[in-house]
Amino acid sequence: MANCTYSVPDLNASGDSLYGPRICDQAFIDWAWPTHGFNGSYWGDGWGFDDCCNNTKPLSRAFSGLWLLNYSADDYNNEDWNSDILHWGRRYVREQLHAINDLRAMCGDGSANATTFNAGCAHYRDTSHNACDDWQANCCDWIPCSWICGLITWICRAWVWITSSVCDLFVPGRVELYLPFFYTRDVVGRAATYVHESRHIGGKPHDANFPRGSAFGAGKSGADSSWDYQGAWMYDALYLWWFYAAGTRTTPALQQSAKQRGNMLIDNAFATHPGFTIT
């Protein structure tokens, strides 16, 4: 951290004056740290490991994004996949970040908020576990057939654990959060960034170039081809949309910020414009 140069923006405008005191709770910290895969080797030396209630430090600001992500739905304990992303988004992020289990704070070069590296092992582990579960759910439930199904499911899960562990040894994945994440994005923007990077872990790389006139640089790689691709930009914008429409325990200013950034992504981050805006 000593090698990074940054300035702390207005704490009210970024939402850190509101969310900073909320994360200063030992029970929340003890839960959020391992659940989201924080790598302790990268959060000391000024990043806030020993001062996590200080909302000018990166760790507090990272926690604030997680607090907003986890508690902004009115009935936040409802994580049903059939609900909206304001409800299941926290579950998705939790599962993806825990799978990769290496969340780091870095200076970066100022060009990105965050980057996900080598997420293939986590994606393989996630999809393969789902395949094992689908097998068990669709297998017969009468004895002794159910015993055979249970044995095959156990073998399937054991194979996934062994092969994914070997994969992790040779292709370790990680998520790096950079200074713009902490000091350019407000709290809702940080929450949406977690959703964005988690979608990469879930197996969705960017698959297109930014369109003409894009604020991200026309013709550069890093866009999603379309909204229907259901990639990281779609998840990012969709979360912001739902936070604007139905987020609770927040402020109207942060909801308006979510709307503004969501529309910016819709207009600039897709090779084919989705054809709508957040109103």
C-alpha atoms as a PDB file:
ATOM      1  CA  MET A   1       0.000   0.000   0.000  1.00  0.00           C
ATOM      2  CA  ALA A   2       2.954   2.281   0.620  1.00  0.00           C
ATOM      3  CA  ASN A   3       3.639   2.240  -3.116  1.00  0.00           C
ATOM      4  CA  CYS A   4       0.102   3.278  -4.107  1.00  0.00           C
ATOM      5  CA  THR A   5      -1.071   6.846  -4.646  1.00  0.00           C
ATOM      6  CA  TYR A   6      -4.719   7.639  -4.012  1.00  0.00           C
ATOM      7  CA  SER A   7      -7.074  10.224  -2.548  1.00  0.00           C
ATOM      8  CA  VAL A   8     -10.200   9.583  -0.497  1.00  0.00           C
ATOM      9  CA  PRO A   9     -13.351  11.073  -2.070  1.00  0.00           C
ATOM     10  CA  ASP A  10     -16.287  12.540  -0.146  1.00  0.00           C
ATOM     11  CA  LEU A  11     -17.452   9.834   2.263  1.00  0.00           C
ATOM     12  CA  ASN A  12     -21.087  10.910   2.081  1.00  0.00           C
ATOM     13  CA  ALA A  13     -21.186  10.864  -1.719  1.00  0.00           C
ATOM     14  CA  SER A  14     -19.530   7.421  -1.902  1.00  0.00           C
ATOM     15  CA  GLY A  15     -21.836   5.980   0.772  1.00  0.00           C
ATOM     16  CA  ASP A  16     -18.968   5.062   3.092  1.00  0.00           C
ATOM     17  CA  SER A  17     -20.206   7.328   5.874  1.00  0.00           C
ATOM     18  CA  LEU A  18     -23.433   5.277   5.867  1.00  0.00           C
ATOM     19  CA  TYR A  19     -22.072   1.770   5.349  1.00  0.00           C
ATOM     20  CA  GLY A  20     -18.744   2.118   7.176  1.00  0.00           C
ATOM     21  CA  PRO A  21     -20.304   1.951  10.675  1.00  0.00           C
ATOM     22  CA  ARG A  22     -22.449  -0.996   9.582  1.00  0.00           C
ATOM     23  CA  ILE A  23     -19.488  -3.186   8.716  1.00  0.00           C
ATOM     24  CA  CYS A  24     -17.754  -2.334  12.001  1.00  0.00           C
ATOM     25  CA  ASP A  25     -19.269  -5.393  13.615  1.00  0.00           C
ATOM     26  CA  GLN A  26     -17.117  -8.349  14.606  1.00  0.00           C
ATOM     27  CA  ALA A  27     -19.769 -10.921  13.728  1.00  0.00           C
ATOM     28  CA  PHE A  28     -20.101  -9.516  10.199  1.00  0.00           C
ATOM     29  CA  ILE A  29     -16.329  -9.331   9.727  1.00  0.00           C
ATOM     30  CA  ASP A  30     -15.819 -12.879  11.020  1.00  0.00           C
ATOM     31  CA  TRP A  31     -18.428 -14.088   8.534  1.00  0.00           C
ATOM     32  CA  ALA A  32     -17.523 -11.977   5.495  1.00  0.00           C
ATOM     33  CA  TRP A  33     -13.764 -12.618   5.545  1.00  0.00           C
ATOM     34  CA  PRO A  34     -13.682 -16.419   5.017  1.00  0.00           C
ATOM     35  CA  THR A  35     -17.008 -16.610   3.184  1.00  0.00           C
ATOM     36  CA  HIS A  36     -15.768 -14.369   0.364  1.00  0.00           C
ATOM     37  CA  GLY A  37     -12.241 -15.755   0.217  1.00  0.00           C
ATOM     38  CA  PHE A  38     -10.148 -12.803   1.387  1.00  0.00           C
ATOM     39  CA  ASN A  39      -6.438 -13.613   1.112  1.00  0.00           C
ATOM     40  CA  GLY A  40      -4.874 -12.185   4.261  1.00  0.00           C
ATOM     41  CA  SER A  41      -1.446 -11.819   2.634  1.00  0.00           C
ATOM     42  CA  TYR A  42      -2.773  -8.921   0.542  1.00  0.00           C
ATOM     43  CA  TRP A  43      -4.743  -6.861   3.077  1.00  0.00           C
ATOM     44  CA  GLY A  44      -2.051  -5.778   5.528  1.00  0.00           C
ATOM     45  CA  ASP A  45       0.572  -3.026   5.226  1.00  0.00           C
ATOM     46  CA  GLY A  46      -1.904  -0.157   4.997  1.00  0.00           C
ATOM     47  CA  TRP A  47      -4.763  -1.925   3.232  1.00  0.00           C
ATOM     48  CA  GLY A  48      -6.766  -2.059   6.450  1.00  0.00           C
ATOM     49  CA  PHE A  49      -6.364  -5.510   7.964  1.00  0.00           C
ATOM     50  CA  ASP A  50      -5.529  -3.991  11.339  1.00  0.00           C
ATOM     51  CA  ASP A  51      -7.936  -1.041  10.930  1.00  0.00           C
ATOM     52  CA  CYS A  52     -10.984  -2.479   9.169  1.00  0.00           C
ATOM     53  CA  CYS A  53     -13.445   0.022  10.693  1.00  0.00           C
ATOM     54  CA  ASN A  54     -11.599   2.944   9.114  1.00  0.00           C
ATOM     55  CA  ASN A  55     -13.755   3.827   6.109  1.00  0.00           C
ATOM     56  CA  THR A  56     -10.888   5.587   4.375  1.00  0.00           C
ATOM     57  CA  LYS A  57      -8.994   2.259   4.142  1.00  0.00           C
ATOM     58  CA  PRO A  58      -9.557  -0.293   1.357  1.00  0.00           C
ATOM     59  CA  LEU A  59     -10.679  -3.193   3.548  1.00  0.00           C
ATOM     60  CA  SER A  60     -13.500  -1.216   5.148  1.00  0.00           C
ATOM     61  CA  ARG A  61     -14.617  -0.077   1.711  1.00  0.00           C
ATOM     62  CA  ALA A  62     -14.483  -3.639   0.396  1.00  0.00           C
ATOM     63  CA  PHE A  63     -16.603  -4.802   3.336  1.00  0.00           C
ATOM     64  CA  SER A  64     -19.091  -1.979   2.716  1.00  0.00           C
ATOM     65  CA  GLY A  65     -19.716  -3.274  -0.795  1.00  0.00           C
ATOM     66  CA  LEU A  66     -20.377  -6.716   0.626  1.00  0.00           C
ATOM     67  CA  TRP A  67     -22.730  -5.359   3.287  1.00  0.00           C
ATOM     68  CA  LEU A  68     -24.772  -3.557   0.643  1.00  0.00           C
ATOM     69  CA  LEU A  69     -24.777  -6.656  -1.555  1.00  0.00           C
ATOM     70  CA  ASN A  70     -25.973  -8.911   1.242  1.00  0.00           C
ATOM     71  CA  TYR A  71     -28.583  -6.759   2.970  1.00  0.00           C
ATOM     72  CA  SER A  72     -30.216  -4.507   0.368  1.00  0.00           C
ATOM     73  CA  ALA A  73     -33.196  -6.728  -0.415  1.00  0.00           C
ATOM     74  CA  ASP A  74     -36.125  -6.135   1.895  1.00  0.00           C
ATOM     75  CA  ASP A  75     -36.297  -9.866   2.715  1.00  0.00           C
ATOM     76  CA  TYR A  76     -32.601 -10.545   2.206  1.00  0.00           C
ATOM     77  CA  ASN A  77     -32.715 -14.088   3.584  1.00  0.00           C
ATOM     78  CA  ASN A  78     -34.702 -15.109   0.506  1.00  0.00           C
ATOM     79  CA  GLU A  79     -31.984 -16.268  -1.913  1.00  0.00           C
ATOM     80  CA  ASP A  80     -34.238 -18.242  -4.236  1.00  0.00           C
ATOM     81  CA  TRP A  81     -32.790 -18.488  -7.751  1.00  0.00           C
ATOM     82  CA  ASN A  82     -36.313 -17.861  -9.097  1.00  0.00           C
ATOM     83  CA  SER A  83     -36.344 -14.439  -7.450  1.00  0.00           C
ATOM     84  CA  ASP A  84     -34.500 -11.340  -8.713  1.00  0.00           C
ATOM     85  CA  ILE A  85     -30.763 -10.626  -8.575  1.00  0.00           C
ATOM     86  CA  LEU A  86     -31.191  -8.309  -5.595  1.00  0.00           C
ATOM     87  CA  HIS A  87     -32.068 -11.487  -3.676  1.00  0.00           C
ATOM     88  CA  TRP A  88     -29.900 -14.211  -5.216  1.00  0.00           C
ATOM     89  CA  GLY A  89     -26.979 -11.993  -6.204  1.00  0.00           C
ATOM     90  CA  ARG A  90     -25.422 -12.253  -2.748  1.00  0.00           C
ATOM     91  CA  ARG A  91     -25.643 -16.028  -2.901  1.00  0.00           C
ATOM     92  CA  TYR A  92     -24.069 -16.114  -6.345  1.00  0.00           C
ATOM     93  CA  VAL A  93     -21.173 -13.890  -5.294  1.00  0.00           C
ATOM     94  CA  ARG A  94     -20.643 -15.832  -2.085  1.00  0.00           C
ATOM     95  CA  GLU A  95     -20.462 -19.164  -3.884  1.00  0.00           C
ATOM     96  CA  GLN A  96     -18.174 -17.950  -6.676  1.00  0.00           C
ATOM     97  CA  LEU A  97     -15.719 -16.020  -4.489  1.00  0.00           C
ATOM     98  CA  HIS A  98     -15.588 -18.835  -1.957  1.00  0.00           C
ATOM     99  CA  ALA A  99     -14.856 -21.304  -4.766  1.00  0.00           C
ATOM    100  CA  ILE A 100     -11.850 -19.331  -5.981  1.00  0.00           C
ATOM    101  CA  ASN A 101     -10.897 -18.394  -2.381  1.00  0.00           C
ATOM    102  CA  ASP A 102      -8.298 -15.755  -3.256  1.00  0.00           C
ATOM    103  CA  LEU A 103      -9.546 -12.149  -3.077  1.00  0.00           C
ATOM    104  CA  ARG A 104      -6.679  -9.660  -3.153  1.00  0.00           C
ATOM    105  CA  ALA A 105      -6.169  -5.903  -2.881  1.00  0.00           C
ATOM    106  CA  MET A 106      -3.664  -4.444  -5.377  1.00  0.00           C
ATOM    107  CA  CYS A 107      -2.632  -1.005  -6.614  1.00  0.00           C
ATOM    108  CA  GLY A 108      -3.313  -1.695 -10.292  1.00  0.00           C
ATOM    109  CA  ASP A 109      -2.485   0.693 -13.110  1.00  0.00           C
ATOM    110  CA  GLY A 110      -5.715   2.695 -12.907  1.00  0.00           C
ATOM    111  CA  SER A 111      -7.273   1.159 -16.016  1.00  0.00           C
ATOM    112  CA  ALA A 112      -9.568  -1.335 -14.284  1.00  0.00           C
ATOM    113  CA  ASN A 113     -11.574  -1.749 -11.095  1.00  0.00           C
ATOM    114  CA  ALA A 114     -10.854  -5.455 -10.771  1.00  0.00           C
ATOM    115  CA  THR A 115      -9.628  -8.479 -12.717  1.00  0.00           C
ATOM    116  CA  THR A 116     -10.327 -12.186 -12.420  1.00  0.00           C
ATOM    117  CA  PHE A 117      -7.509 -14.573 -13.333  1.00  0.00           C
ATOM    118  CA  ASN A 118      -7.639 -18.289 -14.160  1.00  0.00           C
ATOM    119  CA  ALA A 119     -11.179 -18.955 -12.972  1.00  0.00           C
ATOM    120  CA  GLY A 120     -11.447 -22.218 -14.895  1.00  0.00           C
ATOM    121  CA  CYS A 121     -10.937 -24.515 -11.905  1.00  0.00           C
ATOM    122  CA  ALA A 122     -13.665 -22.821  -9.876  1.00  0.00           C
ATOM    123  CA  HIS A 123     -16.011 -22.966 -12.867  1.00  0.00           C
ATOM    124  CA  TYR A 124     -15.264 -26.643 -13.407  1.00  0.00           C
ATOM    125  CA  ARG A 125     -15.841 -27.386  -9.728  1.00  0.00           C
ATOM    126  CA  ASP A 126     -19.133 -25.481  -9.682  1.00  0.00           C
ATOM    127  CA  THR A 127     -20.592 -26.973 -12.860  1.00  0.00           C
ATOM    128  CA  SER A 128     -19.416 -30.491 -12.049  1.00  0.00           C
ATOM    129  CA  HIS A 129     -20.928 -30.402  -8.563  1.00  0.00           C
ATOM    130  CA  ASN A 130     -24.176 -29.269 -10.160  1.00  0.00           C
ATOM    131  CA  ALA A 131     -23.985 -32.203 -12.564  1.00  0.00           C
ATOM    132  CA  CYS A 132     -23.561 -34.605  -9.626  1.00  0.00           C
ATOM    133  CA  ASP A 133     -26.533 -33.029  -7.862  1.00  0.00           C
ATOM    134  CA  ASP A 134     -28.644 -33.238 -11.027  1.00  0.00           C
ATOM    135  CA  TRP A 135     -27.799 -36.917 -11.325  1.00  0.00           C
ATOM    136  CA  GLN A 136     -28.940 -37.577  -7.782  1.00  0.00           C
ATOM    137  CA  ALA A 137     -32.118 -35.510  -8.202  1.00  0.00           C
ATOM    138  CA  ASN A 138     -33.118 -37.421 -11.327  1.00  0.00           C
ATOM    139  CA  CYS A 139     -32.113 -40.865 -10.105  1.00  0.00           C
ATOM    140  CA  CYS A 140     -34.706 -43.340  -8.889  1.00  0.00           C
ATOM    141  CA  ASP A 141     -35.759 -43.240  -5.235  1.00  0.00           C
ATOM    142  CA  TRP A 142     -36.739 -46.853  -4.594  1.00  0.00           C
ATOM    143  CA  ILE A 143     -34.533 -49.286  -2.694  1.00  0.00           C
ATOM    144  CA  PRO A 144     -31.990 -50.661  -3.679  1.00  0.00           C
ATOM    145  CA  CYS A 145     -31.801 -48.318  -6.643  1.00  0.00           C
ATOM    146  CA  SER A 146     -31.502 -45.308  -4.289  1.00  0.00           C
ATOM    147  CA  TRP A 147     -28.445 -46.925  -2.674  1.00  0.00           C
ATOM    148  CA  ILE A 148     -26.765 -47.268  -6.057  1.00  0.00           C
ATOM    149  CA  CYS A 149     -27.657 -43.666  -6.890  1.00  0.00           C
ATOM    150  CA  GLY A 150     -26.185 -42.493  -3.601  1.00  0.00           C
ATOM    151  CA  LEU A 151     -22.957 -44.416  -4.220  1.00  0.00           C
ATOM    152  CA  ILE A 152     -22.571 -43.035  -7.736  1.00  0.00           C
ATOM    153  CA  THR A 153     -23.263 -39.506  -6.476  1.00  0.00           C
ATOM    154  CA  TRP A 154     -20.601 -39.919  -3.770  1.00  0.00           C
ATOM    155  CA  ILE A 155     -18.090 -41.154  -6.355  1.00  0.00           C
ATOM    156  CA  CYS A 156     -18.999 -38.237  -8.620  1.00  0.00           C
ATOM    157  CA  ARG A 157     -18.438 -35.668  -5.874  1.00  0.00           C
ATOM    158  CA  ALA A 158     -15.187 -37.319  -4.784  1.00  0.00           C
ATOM    159  CA  TRP A 159     -13.918 -37.241  -8.379  1.00  0.00           C
ATOM    160  CA  VAL A 160     -14.816 -33.562  -8.697  1.00  0.00           C
ATOM    161  CA  TRP A 161     -13.018 -32.772  -5.437  1.00  0.00           C
ATOM    162  CA  ILE A 162      -9.859 -34.652  -6.490  1.00  0.00           C
ATOM    163  CA  THR A 163      -9.674 -33.269 -10.025  1.00  0.00           C
ATOM    164  CA  SER A 164     -10.536 -29.700  -9.046  1.00  0.00           C
ATOM    165  CA  SER A 165      -7.930 -29.794  -6.261  1.00  0.00           C
ATOM    166  CA  VAL A 166      -5.298 -30.892  -8.780  1.00  0.00           C
ATOM    167  CA  CYS A 167      -6.480 -28.123 -11.098  1.00  0.00           C
ATOM    168  CA  ASP A 168      -6.063 -25.561  -8.303  1.00  0.00           C
ATOM    169  CA  LEU A 169      -2.473 -26.699  -7.757  1.00  0.00           C
ATOM    170  CA  PHE A 170      -1.480 -25.999 -11.346  1.00  0.00           C
ATOM    171  CA  VAL A 171      -3.894 -23.213 -12.343  1.00  0.00           C
ATOM    172  CA  PRO A 172      -4.653 -21.186  -9.200  1.00  0.00           C
ATOM    173  CA  GLY A 173      -7.336 -18.553  -9.695  1.00  0.00           C
ATOM    174  CA  ARG A 174      -7.647 -15.186  -8.010  1.00  0.00           C
ATOM    175  CA  VAL A 175      -9.599 -11.934  -8.034  1.00  0.00           C
ATOM    176  CA  GLU A 176      -7.677  -8.677  -7.742  1.00  0.00           C
ATOM    177  CA  LEU A 177      -9.365  -5.447  -6.602  1.00  0.00           C
ATOM    178  CA  TYR A 178      -7.593  -2.245  -7.634  1.00  0.00           C
ATOM    179  CA  LEU A 179      -7.534   1.330  -6.346  1.00  0.00           C
ATOM    180  CA  PRO A 180     -10.396   2.513  -8.623  1.00  0.00           C
ATOM    181  CA  PHE A 181     -12.594  -0.144  -7.018  1.00  0.00           C
ATOM    182  CA  PHE A 182     -11.962   1.373  -3.593  1.00  0.00           C
ATOM    183  CA  TYR A 183     -11.803   5.074  -4.429  1.00  0.00           C
ATOM    184  CA  THR A 184     -13.658   5.661  -7.709  1.00  0.00           C
ATOM    185  CA  ARG A 185     -16.623   3.311  -7.341  1.00  0.00           C
ATOM    186  CA  ASP A 186     -19.174   4.166  -4.664  1.00  0.00           C
ATOM    187  CA  VAL A 187     -20.497   1.437  -2.374  1.00  0.00           C
ATOM    188  CA  VAL A 188     -23.172   0.215  -4.799  1.00  0.00           C
ATOM    189  CA  GLY A 189     -20.609   0.233  -7.611  1.00  0.00           C
ATOM    190  CA  ARG A 190     -18.366  -2.013  -5.518  1.00  0.00           C
ATOM    191  CA  ALA A 191     -21.243  -4.421  -4.884  1.00  0.00           C
ATOM    192  CA  ALA A 192     -21.930  -4.571  -8.622  1.00  0.00           C
ATOM    193  CA  THR A 193     -18.225  -5.188  -9.278  1.00  0.00           C
ATOM    194  CA  TYR A 194     -18.372  -8.256  -7.032  1.00  0.00           C
ATOM    195  CA  VAL A 195     -21.293  -9.495  -9.128  1.00  0.00           C
ATOM    196  CA  HIS A 196     -19.366  -8.739 -12.327  1.00  0.00           C
ATOM    197  CA  GLU A 197     -16.210 -10.594 -11.311  1.00  0.00           C
ATOM    198  CA  SER A 198     -18.227 -13.498  -9.921  1.00  0.00           C
ATOM    199  CA  ARG A 199     -19.815 -13.928 -13.333  1.00  0.00           C
ATOM    200  CA  HIS A 200     -16.334 -14.341 -14.786  1.00  0.00           C
ATOM    201  CA  ILE A 201     -15.606 -17.015 -12.190  1.00  0.00           C
ATOM    202  CA  GLY A 202     -18.875 -18.611 -13.258  1.00  0.00           C
ATOM    203  CA  GLY A 203     -17.462 -19.155 -16.744  1.00  0.00           C
ATOM    204  CA  LYS A 204     -18.416 -16.049 -18.715  1.00  0.00           C
ATOM    205  CA  PRO A 205     -15.476 -14.144 -20.224  1.00  0.00           C
ATOM    206  CA  HIS A 206     -16.095 -11.028 -22.300  1.00  0.00           C
ATOM    207  CA  ASP A 207     -16.712 -12.152 -25.873  1.00  0.00           C
ATOM    208  CA  ALA A 208     -16.802  -9.004 -28.025  1.00  0.00           C
ATOM    209  CA  ASN A 209     -15.312  -5.580 -28.714  1.00  0.00           C
ATOM    210  CA  PHE A 210     -16.807  -2.343 -27.442  1.00  0.00           C
ATOM    211  CA  PRO A 211     -19.108  -0.635 -29.958  1.00  0.00           C
ATOM    212  CA  ARG A 212     -18.596   2.638 -31.788  1.00  0.00           C
ATOM    213  CA  GLY A 213     -18.719   5.583 -29.412  1.00  0.00           C
ATOM    214  CA  SER A 214     -18.264   3.455 -26.298  1.00  0.00           C
ATOM    215  CA  ALA A 215     -16.865   5.217 -23.238  1.00  0.00           C
ATOM    216  CA  PHE A 216     -14.706   2.107 -22.722  1.00  0.00           C
ATOM    217  CA  GLY A 217     -12.915   2.610 -26.048  1.00  0.00           C
ATOM    218  CA  ALA A 218     -14.495   1.752 -29.376  1.00  0.00           C
ATOM    219  CA  GLY A 219     -13.096  -1.416 -30.887  1.00  0.00           C
ATOM    220  CA  LYS A 220     -11.263  -2.547 -27.760  1.00  0.00           C
ATOM    221  CA  SER A 221     -11.887  -6.007 -26.374  1.00  0.00           C
ATOM    222  CA  GLY A 222     -13.811  -6.406 -23.130  1.00  0.00           C
ATOM    223  CA  ALA A 223     -17.441  -6.017 -24.160  1.00  0.00           C
ATOM    224  CA  ASP A 224     -20.226  -8.571 -24.040  1.00  0.00           C
ATOM    225  CA  SER A 225     -21.777  -9.478 -27.378  1.00  0.00           C
ATOM    226  CA  SER A 226     -25.375  -8.968 -26.209  1.00  0.00           C
ATOM    227  CA  TRP A 227     -27.644  -8.870 -23.186  1.00  0.00           C
ATOM    228  CA  ASP A 228     -28.758 -12.429 -24.004  1.00  0.00           C
ATOM    229  CA  TYR A 229     -25.169 -13.645 -23.602  1.00  0.00           C
ATOM    230  CA  GLN A 230     -25.801 -13.201 -19.865  1.00  0.00           C
ATOM    231  CA  GLY A 231     -22.234 -12.212 -19.214  1.00  0.00           C
ATOM    232  CA  ALA A 232     -20.517 -10.092 -16.594  1.00  0.00           C
ATOM    233  CA  TRP A 233     -21.756  -6.744 -17.922  1.00  0.00           C
ATOM    234  CA  MET A 234     -25.329  -8.009 -17.989  1.00  0.00           C
ATOM    235  CA  TYR A 235     -25.108  -9.214 -14.374  1.00  0.00           C
ATOM    236  CA  ASP A 236     -23.440  -5.941 -13.383  1.00  0.00           C
ATOM    237  CA  ALA A 237     -26.134  -3.763 -14.998  1.00  0.00           C
ATOM    238  CA  LEU A 238     -28.961  -6.011 -13.858  1.00  0.00           C
ATOM    239  CA  TYR A 239     -27.858  -5.773 -10.234  1.00  0.00           C
ATOM    240  CA  LEU A 240     -27.647  -1.979 -10.460  1.00  0.00           C
ATOM    241  CA  TRP A 241     -31.117  -1.895 -12.028  1.00  0.00           C
ATOM    242  CA  TRP A 242     -32.697  -3.918  -9.242  1.00  0.00           C
ATOM    243  CA  PHE A 243     -30.876  -1.936  -6.564  1.00  0.00           C
ATOM    244  CA  TYR A 244     -32.246   1.263  -8.061  1.00  0.00           C
ATOM    245  CA  ALA A 245     -35.759  -0.187  -8.282  1.00  0.00           C
ATOM    246  CA  ALA A 246     -36.030  -2.017  -4.966  1.00  0.00           C
ATOM    247  CA  GLY A 247     -32.913  -1.558  -2.835  1.00  0.00           C
ATOM    248  CA  THR A 248     -33.499  -0.919   0.864  1.00  0.00           C
ATOM    249  CA  ARG A 249     -31.392   0.264   3.829  1.00  0.00           C
ATOM    250  CA  THR A 250     -29.757   2.792   1.545  1.00  0.00           C
ATOM    251  CA  THR A 251     -30.185   6.347   0.266  1.00  0.00           C
ATOM    252  CA  PRO A 252     -31.993   7.824  -2.770  1.00  0.00           C
ATOM    253  CA  ALA A 253     -28.643   9.227  -3.916  1.00  0.00           C
ATOM    254  CA  LEU A 254     -27.063   5.771  -4.113  1.00  0.00           C
ATOM    255  CA  GLN A 255     -30.113   4.419  -5.907  1.00  0.00           C
ATOM    256  CA  GLN A 256     -29.818   7.203  -8.462  1.00  0.00           C
ATOM    257  CA  SER A 257     -26.110   6.434  -8.801  1.00  0.00           C
ATOM    258  CA  ALA A 258     -27.014   2.803  -9.543  1.00  0.00           C
ATOM    259  CA  LYS A 259     -29.464   3.912 -12.228  1.00  0.00           C
ATOM    260  CA  GLN A 260     -26.913   6.250 -13.817  1.00  0.00           C
ATOM    261  CA  ARG A 261     -24.132   3.648 -13.922  1.00  0.00           C
ATOM    262  CA  GLY A 262     -26.515   0.898 -15.040  1.00  0.00           C
ATOM    263  CA  ASN A 263     -27.587   2.998 -18.031  1.00  0.00           C
ATOM    264  CA  MET A 264     -23.974   3.840 -18.805  1.00  0.00           C
ATOM    265  CA  LEU A 265     -23.171   0.121 -18.975  1.00  0.00           C
ATOM    266  CA  ILE A 266     -26.211  -0.623 -21.111  1.00  0.00           C
ATOM    267  CA  ASP A 267     -25.181   2.105 -23.572  1.00  0.00           C
ATOM    268  CA  ASN A 268     -21.462   1.310 -23.695  1.00  0.00           C
ATOM    269  CA  ALA A 269     -20.600  -2.262 -22.672  1.00  0.00           C
ATOM    270  CA  PHE A 270     -22.497  -4.355 -25.242  1.00  0.00           C
ATOM    271  CA  ALA A 271     -21.540  -4.892 -28.884  1.00  0.00           C
ATOM    272  CA  THR A 272     -25.260  -5.008 -29.651  1.00  0.00           C
ATOM    273  CA  HIS A 273     -27.249  -2.491 -27.642  1.00  0.00           C
ATOM    274  CA  PRO A 274     -29.885  -4.222 -25.455  1.00  0.00           C
ATOM    275  CA  GLY A 275     -32.540  -1.874 -26.781  1.00  0.00           C
ATOM    276  CA  PHE A 276     -33.756  -0.472 -23.467  1.00  0.00           C
ATOM    277  CA  THR A 277     -32.706   1.790 -20.616  1.00  0.00           C
ATOM    278  CA  ILE A 278     -33.400   1.940 -16.909  1.00  0.00           C
ATOM    279  CA  THR A 279     -36.240   4.398 -16.328  1.00  0.00           C
END
